[in-house]
Amino acid sequence: MNTVLQAPLMLITGGSRGVGAATARLAAAKGYNVVITFVSNEAAAHAVTADVEAAGRRALAVRADSADPEQITQLFSTIDREFGRIDVLVNNAGIIAQQSRLENLGFERMQRIFAVNAIGPMLCAQQAVRRMSTRHSGRGGVVINISSASARLGSPNEYVDYAASKGALETFTTGFSKEVAREGIRVCCIRPGHIYTEMHASGGEPGRVDRVRDTIPMGRGGQPEEVARAIVWLASDEASFITGTFLDVTGGK
């Protein structure tokens, strides 16, 4: 039997850059086959899958918008066909928009941010539970939702819509974790703080982490790999009695 094919599979949405890419590389080093989704940057996604394959694991990059139910259904059909299993879902895909106060936020922006950051993870989890749950003859699994410290802090004057969407994701984590706790599925949530990723540029301030780092008790921003280590640990059997839990990776903020 091909041991590479029998390796556990981790699906990481938004895996072409930042925390998602770091998680994909670490997961491969820990023995996972990896599927990542991306929306626009195909070259970056293929660079990540090449690194996974260089580690001796199977990898696949799939173009899929987390907010589109049809694309998510197709994504999971592809996983069924190519791998025949899913063991870990990391709901990492997320977006922010230009820093702004509430009164200047457009309706379409609010809708899009909630569609990707809150509804998207629910759509993916819905597909995953149908395959993981012992109720559906699955072998169990783990769902890790990637929230943000902003869900606690609110991001006033910058991203209150983003923070609110992550708050919704956290409430979903709590409810879903209890719903499937006796079906072999653990559901946890990671709250990254100020991490050095490209995401800040889409908010209009590429240097944001350096601006705020003195407000962080540890006095520095975090690296994507530091978040990835928390994700992969929570997904592992070392965290076997942990569900419905929120882990801050924030340097103390």
Protein backbone atom coordinates (compact mmCIF):
# COMPACT_ATOMS: atom_id res chain seq x y z
CA MET A 1 0.00 0.00 0.00
CA ASN A 2 1.27 3.46 -0.93
CA THR A 3 2.13 5.16 2.36
CA VAL A 4 2.07 8.61 0.75
CA LEU A 5 -1.54 8.08 -0.33
CA GLN A 6 -2.45 6.80 3.12
CA ALA A 7 -1.03 9.84 4.90
CA PRO A 8 -3.58 12.10 6.63
CA LEU A 9 -4.87 15.00 4.58
CA MET A 10 -4.98 18.63 5.70
CA LEU A 11 -7.06 21.14 3.74
CA ILE A 12 -5.98 24.76 4.25
CA THR A 13 -8.15 27.47 2.74
CA GLY A 14 -6.24 30.55 1.67
CA GLY A 15 -3.00 28.59 1.64
CA SER A 16 -0.97 30.48 -0.94
CA ARG A 17 0.61 33.02 1.42
CA GLY A 18 1.13 34.06 5.03
CA VAL A 19 -0.11 31.79 7.80
CA GLY A 20 -1.75 29.37 5.35
CA ALA A 21 1.45 28.82 3.39
CA ALA A 22 3.50 28.40 6.57
CA THR A 23 0.97 25.86 7.84
CA ALA A 24 1.11 23.90 4.59
CA ARG A 25 4.89 23.63 4.76
CA LEU A 26 4.91 22.60 8.41
CA ALA A 27 2.09 20.10 7.88
CA ALA A 28 4.09 18.43 5.11
CA ALA A 29 7.09 18.18 7.41
CA LYS A 30 4.81 16.50 9.98
CA GLY A 31 3.60 13.89 7.48
CA TYR A 32 0.41 15.34 6.03
CA ASN A 33 -0.64 15.45 2.43
CA VAL A 34 -1.89 18.98 1.78
CA VAL A 35 -4.61 20.67 -0.28
CA ILE A 36 -4.62 24.46 -0.37
CA THR A 37 -7.13 26.83 -1.89
CA PHE A 38 -6.37 30.15 -3.52
CA VAL A 39 -8.41 32.79 -5.31
CA SER A 40 -6.02 34.79 -7.50
CA ASN A 41 -2.30 34.12 -7.04
CA GLU A 42 -1.80 30.82 -8.79
CA ALA A 43 1.99 31.16 -8.94
CA ALA A 44 2.23 31.59 -5.17
CA ALA A 45 -0.06 28.60 -4.61
CA HIS A 46 2.07 26.38 -6.85
CA ALA A 47 5.22 27.51 -5.04
CA VAL A 48 3.67 26.21 -1.81
CA THR A 49 2.63 22.88 -3.34
CA ALA A 50 6.12 22.47 -4.76
CA ASP A 51 7.54 22.84 -1.24
CA VAL A 52 5.09 20.24 0.07
CA GLU A 53 6.09 17.80 -2.66
CA ALA A 54 9.76 18.47 -1.97
CA ALA A 55 9.05 17.24 1.57
CA GLY A 56 7.84 13.94 0.11
CA ARG A 57 4.09 14.55 0.40
CA ARG A 58 1.26 14.92 -2.09
CA ALA A 59 -0.04 18.43 -2.69
CA LEU A 60 -2.82 20.04 -4.65
CA ALA A 61 -3.75 23.70 -5.17
CA VAL A 62 -7.39 24.36 -6.03
CA ARG A 63 -8.83 27.69 -7.10
CA ALA A 64 -11.88 28.14 -4.86
CA ASP A 65 -13.65 31.14 -3.37
CA SER A 66 -14.70 30.17 0.17
CA ALA A 67 -17.84 32.30 -0.12
CA ASP A 68 -19.16 30.38 -3.15
CA PRO A 69 -21.09 27.22 -2.18
CA GLU A 70 -20.70 25.66 -5.62
CA GLN A 71 -16.93 26.14 -5.62
CA ILE A 72 -16.70 24.62 -2.12
CA THR A 73 -18.77 21.60 -3.22
CA GLN A 74 -16.43 21.14 -6.19
CA LEU A 75 -13.39 21.50 -3.93
CA PHE A 76 -14.52 18.66 -1.69
CA SER A 77 -15.47 16.52 -4.69
CA THR A 78 -11.90 16.99 -5.95
CA ILE A 79 -10.52 15.94 -2.55
CA ASP A 80 -12.76 12.84 -2.59
CA ARG A 81 -11.48 11.91 -6.03
CA GLU A 82 -7.79 12.66 -5.50
CA PHE A 83 -7.29 11.62 -1.87
CA GLY A 84 -10.39 9.81 -0.66
CA ARG A 85 -10.11 11.31 2.82
CA ILE A 86 -9.91 14.52 4.84
CA ASP A 87 -8.52 14.58 8.36
CA VAL A 88 -7.97 18.26 9.16
CA LEU A 89 -9.71 21.37 7.86
CA VAL A 90 -7.99 24.70 8.53
CA ASN A 91 -10.40 27.56 7.82
CA ASN A 92 -7.71 30.14 7.17
CA ALA A 93 -9.03 32.14 4.18
CA GLY A 94 -9.89 35.66 5.24
CA ILE A 95 -9.97 39.19 3.88
CA ILE A 96 -9.79 42.74 5.16
CA ALA A 97 -10.35 46.00 3.32
CA GLN A 98 -9.07 49.54 3.57
CA GLN A 99 -8.85 50.93 7.10
CA SER A 100 -11.96 52.95 7.79
CA ARG A 101 -14.38 54.10 10.47
CA LEU A 102 -17.80 52.47 10.49
CA GLU A 103 -19.67 55.40 8.97
CA ASN A 104 -17.62 55.13 5.79
CA LEU A 105 -18.03 51.39 5.21
CA GLY A 106 -19.93 50.32 2.11
CA PHE A 107 -22.63 47.65 2.23
CA GLU A 108 -20.96 45.50 -0.45
CA ARG A 109 -17.72 45.52 1.55
CA MET A 110 -19.52 44.36 4.70
CA GLN A 111 -21.29 41.59 2.79
CA ARG A 112 -18.10 40.35 1.16
CA ILE A 113 -16.12 40.33 4.41
CA PHE A 114 -18.81 38.33 6.21
CA ALA A 115 -19.24 36.00 3.23
CA VAL A 116 -15.55 35.07 3.18
CA ASN A 117 -14.65 35.28 6.88
CA ALA A 118 -17.77 33.87 8.54
CA ILE A 119 -19.98 32.04 6.04
CA GLY A 120 -17.07 30.52 4.09
CA PRO A 121 -15.74 28.56 7.09
CA MET A 122 -19.27 27.32 7.80
CA LEU A 123 -19.63 26.06 4.22
CA CYS A 124 -16.30 24.26 4.42
CA ALA A 125 -17.08 22.79 7.84
CA GLN A 126 -20.44 21.60 6.54
CA GLN A 127 -18.72 19.63 3.79
CA ALA A 128 -16.02 18.36 6.16
CA VAL A 129 -18.45 17.08 8.80
CA ARG A 130 -20.26 14.97 6.20
CA ARG A 131 -16.97 13.17 5.60
CA MET A 132 -15.41 13.20 9.09
CA SER A 133 -18.33 12.46 11.40
CA THR A 134 -18.79 8.98 12.80
CA ARG A 135 -22.51 9.62 12.19
CA HIS A 136 -21.65 9.48 8.49
CA SER A 137 -19.27 6.52 8.86
CA GLY A 138 -16.26 8.85 8.98
CA ARG A 139 -13.09 8.32 10.98
CA GLY A 140 -13.27 11.64 12.82
CA GLY A 141 -11.18 14.71 12.25
CA VAL A 142 -10.24 18.20 13.35
CA VAL A 143 -11.47 21.63 12.28
CA ILE A 144 -9.29 24.64 13.12
CA ASN A 145 -10.84 28.06 12.57
CA ILE A 146 -8.46 31.01 12.21
CA SER A 147 -9.92 34.03 13.94
CA SER A 148 -8.03 37.14 15.05
CA ALA A 149 -7.26 39.03 18.22
CA SER A 150 -9.48 41.69 16.66
CA ALA A 151 -12.50 39.59 17.65
CA ARG A 152 -11.62 40.49 21.26
CA LEU A 153 -10.31 44.00 20.61
CA GLY A 154 -12.81 45.26 18.02
CA SER A 155 -10.37 47.06 15.66
CA PRO A 156 -11.91 50.52 16.17
CA ASN A 157 -11.16 53.07 13.43
CA GLU A 158 -9.69 50.35 11.23
CA TYR A 159 -11.66 47.16 10.61
CA VAL A 160 -14.77 46.86 12.78
CA ASP A 161 -16.46 44.81 10.05
CA TYR A 162 -13.51 42.39 9.91
CA ALA A 163 -13.47 42.12 13.71
CA ALA A 164 -17.21 41.47 13.77
CA SER A 165 -16.89 38.75 11.13
CA LYS A 166 -14.22 37.04 13.24
CA GLY A 167 -16.50 37.33 16.27
CA ALA A 168 -19.12 35.44 14.29
CA LEU A 169 -16.53 32.79 13.43
CA GLU A 170 -15.73 32.37 17.13
CA THR A 171 -19.37 31.89 18.08
CA PHE A 172 -19.65 29.34 15.29
CA THR A 173 -16.61 27.55 16.73
CA THR A 174 -18.29 27.24 20.11
CA GLY A 175 -21.56 25.92 18.78
CA PHE A 176 -20.11 23.58 16.16
CA SER A 177 -17.58 22.11 18.60
CA LYS A 178 -20.41 21.05 20.92
CA GLU A 179 -22.52 19.75 18.04
CA VAL A 180 -19.90 17.25 16.85
CA ALA A 181 -17.92 16.53 20.03
CA ARG A 182 -19.31 12.98 20.25
CA GLU A 183 -18.79 12.28 16.57
CA GLY A 184 -14.99 12.09 16.59
CA ILE A 185 -14.52 15.71 15.53
CA ARG A 186 -12.61 18.34 17.49
CA VAL A 187 -13.18 22.01 16.65
CA CYS A 188 -10.78 24.69 17.89
CA CYS A 189 -9.91 28.27 17.10
CA ILE A 190 -6.63 30.16 16.82
CA ARG A 191 -6.47 33.92 17.37
CA PRO A 192 -3.35 35.34 15.71
CA GLY A 193 -2.30 38.80 16.80
CA HIS A 194 -0.10 41.15 14.80
CA ILE A 195 1.69 38.83 12.38
CA TYR A 196 4.07 39.79 9.59
CA THR A 197 2.00 38.85 6.52
CA GLU A 198 0.98 40.50 3.25
CA MET A 199 -2.56 40.97 4.53
CA HIS A 200 -1.77 44.36 6.05
CA ALA A 201 -1.04 45.78 2.61
CA SER A 202 -4.62 45.08 1.53
CA GLY A 203 -5.73 47.17 4.51
CA GLY A 204 -3.63 50.06 3.20
CA GLU A 205 -0.79 49.88 5.72
CA PRO A 206 1.96 47.36 4.87
CA GLY A 207 4.02 48.44 7.90
CA ARG A 208 1.18 48.14 10.42
CA VAL A 209 2.88 45.49 12.58
CA ASP A 210 5.95 47.67 13.09
CA ARG A 211 3.72 50.64 13.98
CA VAL A 212 1.91 48.77 16.74
CA ARG A 213 4.63 46.44 18.01
CA ASP A 214 5.36 48.55 21.09
CA THR A 215 1.78 47.88 22.24
CA ILE A 216 2.49 44.13 22.23
CA PRO A 217 3.74 42.89 25.62
CA MET A 218 6.49 40.82 23.96
CA GLY A 219 7.59 43.91 22.02
CA ARG A 220 7.51 42.36 18.56
CA GLY A 221 5.21 41.09 15.85
CA GLY A 222 4.77 37.40 15.20
CA GLN A 223 5.94 35.26 12.30
CA PRO A 224 3.55 33.10 10.24
CA GLU A 225 5.51 30.01 11.31
CA GLU A 226 4.69 30.73 14.96
CA VAL A 227 0.98 30.59 14.18
CA ALA A 228 1.48 27.50 12.01
CA ARG A 229 3.06 25.61 14.91
CA ALA A 230 -0.01 26.30 17.06
CA ILE A 231 -2.35 25.12 14.29
CA VAL A 232 -0.47 21.89 13.62
CA TRP A 233 -0.21 21.13 17.34
CA LEU A 234 -3.96 21.63 17.89
CA ALA A 235 -4.61 19.35 14.92
CA SER A 236 -2.40 16.60 16.35
CA ASP A 237 -3.16 13.79 18.76
CA GLU A 238 -1.20 15.72 21.39
CA ALA A 239 -4.34 17.89 21.67
CA SER A 240 -6.72 14.91 21.77
CA PHE A 241 -8.83 16.18 24.72
CA ILE A 242 -9.07 19.75 23.48
CA THR A 243 -12.15 21.02 21.68
CA GLY A 244 -14.10 24.28 21.71
CA THR A 245 -10.87 25.97 22.79
CA PHE A 246 -9.43 29.34 21.73
CA LEU A 247 -5.66 29.73 21.57
CA ASP A 248 -4.22 33.24 21.37
CA VAL A 249 -0.99 33.59 19.41
CA THR A 250 -0.59 37.28 20.09
CA GLY A 251 2.59 37.94 22.02
CA GLY A 252 0.45 38.68 25.05
CA LYS A 253 -1.88 41.32 23.58
